[in-house]
Amino acid sequence: MTFLPFLVRSLVRLLTALVAQPAASVTTLLYYSDLLPRNLNLERLVRTEFLDRENYLFHFLINILRCF
């Protein structure tokens, strides 16, 4: 079984989110990687629909950013 279809689909979803809603997607990445403070003003920009189970690269980026 190959993982290429899963990665391509995840890459397309990540790029679509970054192009369509750049501020919301970057804020969501930074918010869930604990690099932004938890306050109500930033929570308005956070989109939980980016955290789908099949969005592997988005979760990968969040985990990488948690290391910093």
PDB file of N, CA and C in Angstrom:
ATOM      1  N   MET A   1       0.840  -1.179   0.000  1.00  0.00           N
ATOM      2  CA  MET A   1       0.000   0.000   0.000  1.00  0.00           C
ATOM      3  C   MET A   1       0.887   1.246   0.000  1.00  0.00           C
ATOM      4  N   THR A   2       0.561   2.173  -0.829  1.00  0.00           N
ATOM      5  CA  THR A   2       1.373   3.383  -0.915  1.00  0.00           C
ATOM      6  C   THR A   2       0.727   4.511  -0.125  1.00  0.00           C
ATOM      7  N   PHE A   3       1.557   5.391   0.342  1.00  0.00           N
ATOM      8  CA  PHE A   3       1.093   6.535   1.110  1.00  0.00           C
ATOM      9  C   PHE A   3       1.005   7.793   0.268  1.00  0.00           C
ATOM     10  N   LEU A   4       1.382   7.691  -0.979  1.00  0.00           N
ATOM     11  CA  LEU A   4       1.410   8.855  -1.851  1.00  0.00           C
ATOM     12  C   LEU A   4       0.035   9.513  -2.007  1.00  0.00           C
ATOM     13  N   PRO A   5      -1.062   8.760  -2.212  1.00  0.00           N
ATOM     14  CA  PRO A   5      -2.367   9.440  -2.315  1.00  0.00           C
ATOM     15  C   PRO A   5      -2.761  10.197  -1.052  1.00  0.00           C
ATOM     16  N   PHE A   6      -2.404   9.645   0.109  1.00  0.00           N
ATOM     17  CA  PHE A   6      -2.714  10.330   1.361  1.00  0.00           C
ATOM     18  C   PHE A   6      -1.927  11.626   1.488  1.00  0.00           C
ATOM     19  N   LEU A   7      -0.659  11.580   1.122  1.00  0.00           N
ATOM     20  CA  LEU A   7       0.178  12.769   1.235  1.00  0.00           C
ATOM     21  C   LEU A   7      -0.193  13.834   0.217  1.00  0.00           C
ATOM     22  N   VAL A   8      -0.543  13.410  -0.993  1.00  0.00           N
ATOM     23  CA  VAL A   8      -0.934  14.387  -2.016  1.00  0.00           C
ATOM     24  C   VAL A   8      -2.230  15.070  -1.607  1.00  0.00           C
ATOM     25  N   ARG A   9      -3.185  14.313  -1.122  1.00  0.00           N
ATOM     26  CA  ARG A   9      -4.459  14.891  -0.677  1.00  0.00           C
ATOM     27  C   ARG A   9      -4.246  15.837   0.493  1.00  0.00           C
ATOM     28  N   SER A  10      -3.367  15.454   1.409  1.00  0.00           N
ATOM     29  CA  SER A  10      -3.075  16.314   2.548  1.00  0.00           C
ATOM     30  C   SER A  10      -2.339  17.576   2.119  1.00  0.00           C
ATOM     31  N   LEU A  11      -1.435  17.455   1.169  1.00  0.00           N
ATOM     32  CA  LEU A  11      -0.712  18.614   0.654  1.00  0.00           C
ATOM     33  C   LEU A  11      -1.651  19.585  -0.050  1.00  0.00           C
ATOM     34  N   VAL A  12      -2.587  19.057  -0.811  1.00  0.00           N
ATOM     35  CA  VAL A  12      -3.561  19.918  -1.486  1.00  0.00           C
ATOM     36  C   VAL A  12      -4.436  20.640  -0.474  1.00  0.00           C
ATOM     37  N   ARG A  13      -4.839  19.957   0.565  1.00  0.00           N
ATOM     38  CA  ARG A  13      -5.665  20.591   1.607  1.00  0.00           C
ATOM     39  C   ARG A  13      -4.889  21.672   2.344  1.00  0.00           C
ATOM     40  N   LEU A  14      -3.618  21.416   2.629  1.00  0.00           N
ATOM     41  CA  LEU A  14      -2.801  22.402   3.320  1.00  0.00           C
ATOM     42  C   LEU A  14      -2.571  23.630   2.451  1.00  0.00           C
ATOM     43  N   LEU A  15      -2.230  23.423   1.201  1.00  0.00           N
ATOM     44  CA  LEU A  15      -1.998  24.555   0.303  1.00  0.00           C
ATOM     45  C   LEU A  15      -3.271  25.343   0.039  1.00  0.00           C
ATOM     46  N   THR A  16      -4.398  24.660  -0.075  1.00  0.00           N
ATOM     47  CA  THR A  16      -5.673  25.349  -0.257  1.00  0.00           C
ATOM     48  C   THR A  16      -5.992  26.225   0.946  1.00  0.00           C
ATOM     49  N   ALA A  17      -5.744  25.711   2.133  1.00  0.00           N
ATOM     50  CA  ALA A  17      -5.995  26.496   3.345  1.00  0.00           C
ATOM     51  C   ALA A  17      -5.062  27.695   3.431  1.00  0.00           C
ATOM     52  N   LEU A  18      -3.795  27.492   3.069  1.00  0.00           N
ATOM     53  CA  LEU A  18      -2.840  28.595   3.146  1.00  0.00           C
ATOM     54  C   LEU A  18      -3.120  29.677   2.105  1.00  0.00           C
ATOM     55  N   VAL A  19      -3.631  29.293   0.946  1.00  0.00           N
ATOM     56  CA  VAL A  19      -3.918  30.275  -0.098  1.00  0.00           C
ATOM     57  C   VAL A  19      -5.260  30.955   0.141  1.00  0.00           C
ATOM     58  N   ALA A  20      -6.261  30.192   0.530  1.00  0.00           N
ATOM     59  CA  ALA A  20      -7.612  30.747   0.690  1.00  0.00           C
ATOM     60  C   ALA A  20      -7.740  31.603   1.952  1.00  0.00           C
ATOM     61  N   GLN A  21      -7.187  31.123   3.058  1.00  0.00           N
ATOM     62  CA  GLN A  21      -7.291  31.835   4.332  1.00  0.00           C
ATOM     63  C   GLN A  21      -5.919  31.856   5.011  1.00  0.00           C
ATOM     64  N   PRO A  22      -5.016  32.692   4.526  1.00  0.00           N
ATOM     65  CA  PRO A  22      -3.639  32.648   5.078  1.00  0.00           C
ATOM     66  C   PRO A  22      -3.559  33.060   6.545  1.00  0.00           C
ATOM     67  N   ALA A  23      -4.273  34.074   6.948  1.00  0.00           N
ATOM     68  CA  ALA A  23      -4.186  34.524   8.340  1.00  0.00           C
ATOM     69  C   ALA A  23      -4.770  33.481   9.290  1.00  0.00           C
ATOM     70  N   ALA A  24      -5.888  32.905   8.920  1.00  0.00           N
ATOM     71  CA  ALA A  24      -6.517  31.905   9.780  1.00  0.00           C
ATOM     72  C   ALA A  24      -5.692  30.626   9.859  1.00  0.00           C
ATOM     73  N   SER A  25      -5.103  30.214   8.758  1.00  0.00           N
ATOM     74  CA  SER A  25      -4.333  28.973   8.789  1.00  0.00           C
ATOM     75  C   SER A  25      -3.020  29.140   9.562  1.00  0.00           C
ATOM     76  N   VAL A  26      -2.337  30.262   9.388  1.00  0.00           N
ATOM     77  CA  VAL A  26      -1.097  30.495  10.142  1.00  0.00           C
ATOM     78  C   VAL A  26      -1.413  30.681  11.622  1.00  0.00           C
ATOM     79  N   THR A  27      -2.486  31.378  11.928  1.00  0.00           N
ATOM     80  CA  THR A  27      -2.874  31.557  13.325  1.00  0.00           C
ATOM     81  C   THR A  27      -3.238  30.224  13.960  1.00  0.00           C
ATOM     82  N   THR A  28      -3.918  29.366  13.224  1.00  0.00           N
ATOM     83  CA  THR A  28      -4.274  28.045  13.743  1.00  0.00           C
ATOM     84  C   THR A  28      -3.029  27.204  13.986  1.00  0.00           C
ATOM     85  N   LEU A  29      -2.085  27.254  13.053  1.00  0.00           N
ATOM     86  CA  LEU A  29      -0.822  26.523  13.246  1.00  0.00           C
ATOM     87  C   LEU A  29      -0.096  26.992  14.503  1.00  0.00           C
ATOM     88  N   LEU A  30       0.043  28.279  14.654  1.00  0.00           N
ATOM     89  CA  LEU A  30       0.772  28.818  15.805  1.00  0.00           C
ATOM     90  C   LEU A  30       0.006  28.634  17.113  1.00  0.00           C
ATOM     91  N   TYR A  31      -1.304  28.717  17.053  1.00  0.00           N
ATOM     92  CA  TYR A  31      -2.130  28.589  18.254  1.00  0.00           C
ATOM     93  C   TYR A  31      -2.050  27.168  18.825  1.00  0.00           C
ATOM     94  N   TYR A  32      -2.208  26.165  17.953  1.00  0.00           N
ATOM     95  CA  TYR A  32      -2.188  24.787  18.438  1.00  0.00           C
ATOM     96  C   TYR A  32      -0.779  24.264  18.691  1.00  0.00           C
ATOM     97  N   SER A  33       0.229  24.972  18.216  1.00  0.00           N
ATOM     98  CA  SER A  33       1.593  24.583  18.562  1.00  0.00           C
ATOM     99  C   SER A  33       2.072  25.313  19.816  1.00  0.00           C
ATOM    100  N   ASP A  34       1.182  26.030  20.466  1.00  0.00           N
ATOM    101  CA  ASP A  34       1.437  26.734  21.732  1.00  0.00           C
ATOM    102  C   ASP A  34       2.476  27.840  21.593  1.00  0.00           C
ATOM    103  N   LEU A  35       2.517  28.477  20.438  1.00  0.00           N
ATOM    104  CA  LEU A  35       3.414  29.610  20.238  1.00  0.00           C
ATOM    105  C   LEU A  35       2.682  30.945  20.328  1.00  0.00           C
ATOM    106  N   LEU A  36       1.368  30.909  20.419  1.00  0.00           N
ATOM    107  CA  LEU A  36       0.571  32.119  20.616  1.00  0.00           C
ATOM    108  C   LEU A  36      -0.109  32.052  21.976  1.00  0.00           C
ATOM    109  N   PRO A  37      -0.304  33.181  22.620  1.00  0.00           N
ATOM    110  CA  PRO A  37      -1.011  33.158  23.907  1.00  0.00           C
ATOM    111  C   PRO A  37      -2.485  32.820  23.714  1.00  0.00           C
ATOM    112  N   ARG A  38      -3.068  32.278  24.735  1.00  0.00           N
ATOM    113  CA  ARG A  38      -4.489  31.906  24.700  1.00  0.00           C
ATOM    114  C   ARG A  38      -5.322  33.118  25.112  1.00  0.00           C
ATOM    115  N   ASN A  39      -5.927  33.790  24.124  1.00  0.00           N
ATOM    116  CA  ASN A  39      -6.849  34.875  24.442  1.00  0.00           C
ATOM    117  C   ASN A  39      -7.975  34.893  23.419  1.00  0.00           C
ATOM    118  N   LEU A  40      -9.041  35.614  23.736  1.00  0.00           N
ATOM    119  CA  LEU A  40     -10.239  35.594  22.903  1.00  0.00           C
ATOM    120  C   LEU A  40     -10.034  36.248  21.546  1.00  0.00           C
ATOM    121  N   ASN A  41      -9.178  37.236  21.449  1.00  0.00           N
ATOM    122  CA  ASN A  41      -8.956  37.900  20.167  1.00  0.00           C
ATOM    123  C   ASN A  41      -8.322  36.959  19.155  1.00  0.00           C
ATOM    124  N   LEU A  42      -7.392  36.140  19.596  1.00  0.00           N
ATOM    125  CA  LEU A  42      -6.756  35.195  18.682  1.00  0.00           C
ATOM    126  C   LEU A  42      -7.631  33.984  18.398  1.00  0.00           C
ATOM    127  N   GLU A  43      -8.475  33.605  19.348  1.00  0.00           N
ATOM    128  CA  GLU A  43      -9.348  32.455  19.136  1.00  0.00           C
ATOM    129  C   GLU A  43     -10.383  32.714  18.044  1.00  0.00           C
ATOM    130  N   ARG A  44     -10.638  33.959  17.728  1.00  0.00           N
ATOM    131  CA  ARG A  44     -11.565  34.271  16.636  1.00  0.00           C
ATOM    132  C   ARG A  44     -10.982  33.900  15.288  1.00  0.00           C
ATOM    133  N   LEU A  45      -9.668  33.934  15.159  1.00  0.00           N
ATOM    134  CA  LEU A  45      -9.012  33.579  13.903  1.00  0.00           C
ATOM    135  C   LEU A  45      -8.736  32.086  13.761  1.00  0.00           C
ATOM    136  N   VAL A  46      -8.775  31.357  14.859  1.00  0.00           N
ATOM    137  CA  VAL A  46      -8.459  29.932  14.829  1.00  0.00           C
ATOM    138  C   VAL A  46      -9.623  29.167  14.215  1.00  0.00           C
ATOM    139  N   ARG A  47      -9.306  28.313  13.252  1.00  0.00           N
ATOM    140  CA  ARG A  47     -10.314  27.492  12.570  1.00  0.00           C
ATOM    141  C   ARG A  47     -10.087  26.024  12.917  1.00  0.00           C
ATOM    142  N   THR A  48     -11.058  25.411  13.545  1.00  0.00           N
ATOM    143  CA  THR A  48     -10.914  24.007  13.927  1.00  0.00           C
ATOM    144  C   THR A  48     -11.149  23.068  12.754  1.00  0.00           C
ATOM    145  N   GLU A  49     -11.725  23.547  11.659  1.00  0.00           N
ATOM    146  CA  GLU A  49     -11.934  22.667  10.507  1.00  0.00           C
ATOM    147  C   GLU A  49     -10.625  22.301   9.817  1.00  0.00           C
ATOM    148  N   PHE A  50      -9.548  23.012  10.112  1.00  0.00           N
ATOM    149  CA  PHE A  50      -8.243  22.649   9.565  1.00  0.00           C
ATOM    150  C   PHE A  50      -7.664  21.425  10.276  1.00  0.00           C
ATOM    151  N   LEU A  51      -8.207  21.065  11.409  1.00  0.00           N
ATOM    152  CA  LEU A  51      -7.676  19.965  12.207  1.00  0.00           C
ATOM    153  C   LEU A  51      -8.378  18.646  11.915  1.00  0.00           C
ATOM    154  N   ASP A  52      -8.719  18.430  10.657  1.00  0.00           N
ATOM    155  CA  ASP A  52      -9.318  17.156  10.272  1.00  0.00           C
ATOM    156  C   ASP A  52      -8.347  16.020  10.534  1.00  0.00           C
ATOM    157  N   ARG A  53      -8.883  14.851  10.670  1.00  0.00           N
ATOM    158  CA  ARG A  53      -8.050  13.680  10.934  1.00  0.00           C
ATOM    159  C   ARG A  53      -7.157  13.355   9.736  1.00  0.00           C
ATOM    160  N   GLU A  54      -7.624  13.667   8.526  1.00  0.00           N
ATOM    161  CA  GLU A  54      -6.867  13.342   7.317  1.00  0.00           C
ATOM    162  C   GLU A  54      -5.887  14.435   6.904  1.00  0.00           C
ATOM    163  N   ASN A  55      -5.819  15.515   7.632  1.00  0.00           N
ATOM    164  CA  ASN A  55      -4.914  16.609   7.290  1.00  0.00           C
ATOM    165  C   ASN A  55      -3.567  16.353   7.967  1.00  0.00           C
ATOM    166  N   TYR A  56      -2.828  15.383   7.442  1.00  0.00           N
ATOM    167  CA  TYR A  56      -1.606  14.902   8.074  1.00  0.00           C
ATOM    168  C   TYR A  56      -0.502  15.962   8.110  1.00  0.00           C
ATOM    169  N   LEU A  57      -0.326  16.687   7.038  1.00  0.00           N
ATOM    170  CA  LEU A  57       0.748  17.677   6.994  1.00  0.00           C
ATOM    171  C   LEU A  57       0.489  18.851   7.933  1.00  0.00           C
ATOM    172  N   PHE A  58      -0.766  19.201   8.123  1.00  0.00           N
ATOM    173  CA  PHE A  58      -1.105  20.259   9.074  1.00  0.00           C
ATOM    174  C   PHE A  58      -0.725  19.827  10.487  1.00  0.00           C
ATOM    175  N   HIS A  59      -1.065  18.588  10.839  1.00  0.00           N
ATOM    176  CA  HIS A  59      -0.693  18.066  12.153  1.00  0.00           C
ATOM    177  C   HIS A  59       0.825  17.913  12.281  1.00  0.00           C
ATOM    178  N   PHE A  60       1.479  17.534  11.193  1.00  0.00           N
ATOM    179  CA  PHE A  60       2.936  17.425  11.201  1.00  0.00           C
ATOM    180  C   PHE A  60       3.585  18.777  11.468  1.00  0.00           C
ATOM    181  N   LEU A  61       3.099  19.821  10.819  1.00  0.00           N
ATOM    182  CA  LEU A  61       3.632  21.162  11.052  1.00  0.00           C
ATOM    183  C   LEU A  61       3.401  21.631  12.483  1.00  0.00           C
ATOM    184  N   ILE A  62       2.245  21.323  13.029  1.00  0.00           N
ATOM    185  CA  ILE A  62       1.960  21.689  14.422  1.00  0.00           C
ATOM    186  C   ILE A  62       2.937  20.991  15.356  1.00  0.00           C
ATOM    187  N   ASN A  63       3.186  19.710  15.128  1.00  0.00           N
ATOM    188  CA  ASN A  63       4.116  18.970  16.005  1.00  0.00           C
ATOM    189  C   ASN A  63       5.549  19.446  15.853  1.00  0.00           C
ATOM    190  N   ILE A  64       5.945  19.815  14.650  1.00  0.00           N
ATOM    191  CA  ILE A  64       7.288  20.362  14.448  1.00  0.00           C
ATOM    192  C   ILE A  64       7.433  21.699  15.166  1.00  0.00           C
ATOM    193  N   LEU A  65       6.416  22.546  15.065  1.00  0.00           N
ATOM    194  CA  LEU A  65       6.470  23.863  15.709  1.00  0.00           C
ATOM    195  C   LEU A  65       6.435  23.756  17.232  1.00  0.00           C
ATOM    196  N   ARG A  66       5.869  22.692  17.767  1.00  0.00           N
ATOM    197  CA  ARG A  66       5.861  22.503  19.222  1.00  0.00           C
ATOM    198  C   ARG A  66       7.263  22.286  19.785  1.00  0.00           C
ATOM    199  N   CYS A  67       8.170  21.858  18.942  1.00  0.00           N
ATOM    200  CA  CYS A  67       9.551  21.607  19.387  1.00  0.00           C
ATOM    201  C   CYS A  67      10.315  22.912  19.646  1.00  0.00           C
ATOM    202  N   PHE A  68       9.822  24.023  19.109  1.00  0.00           N
ATOM    203  CA  PHE A  68      10.544  25.284  19.247  1.00  0.00           C
ATOM    204  C   PHE A  68      10.024  26.113  20.377  1.00  0.00           C
TER     205      PHE A  68
END
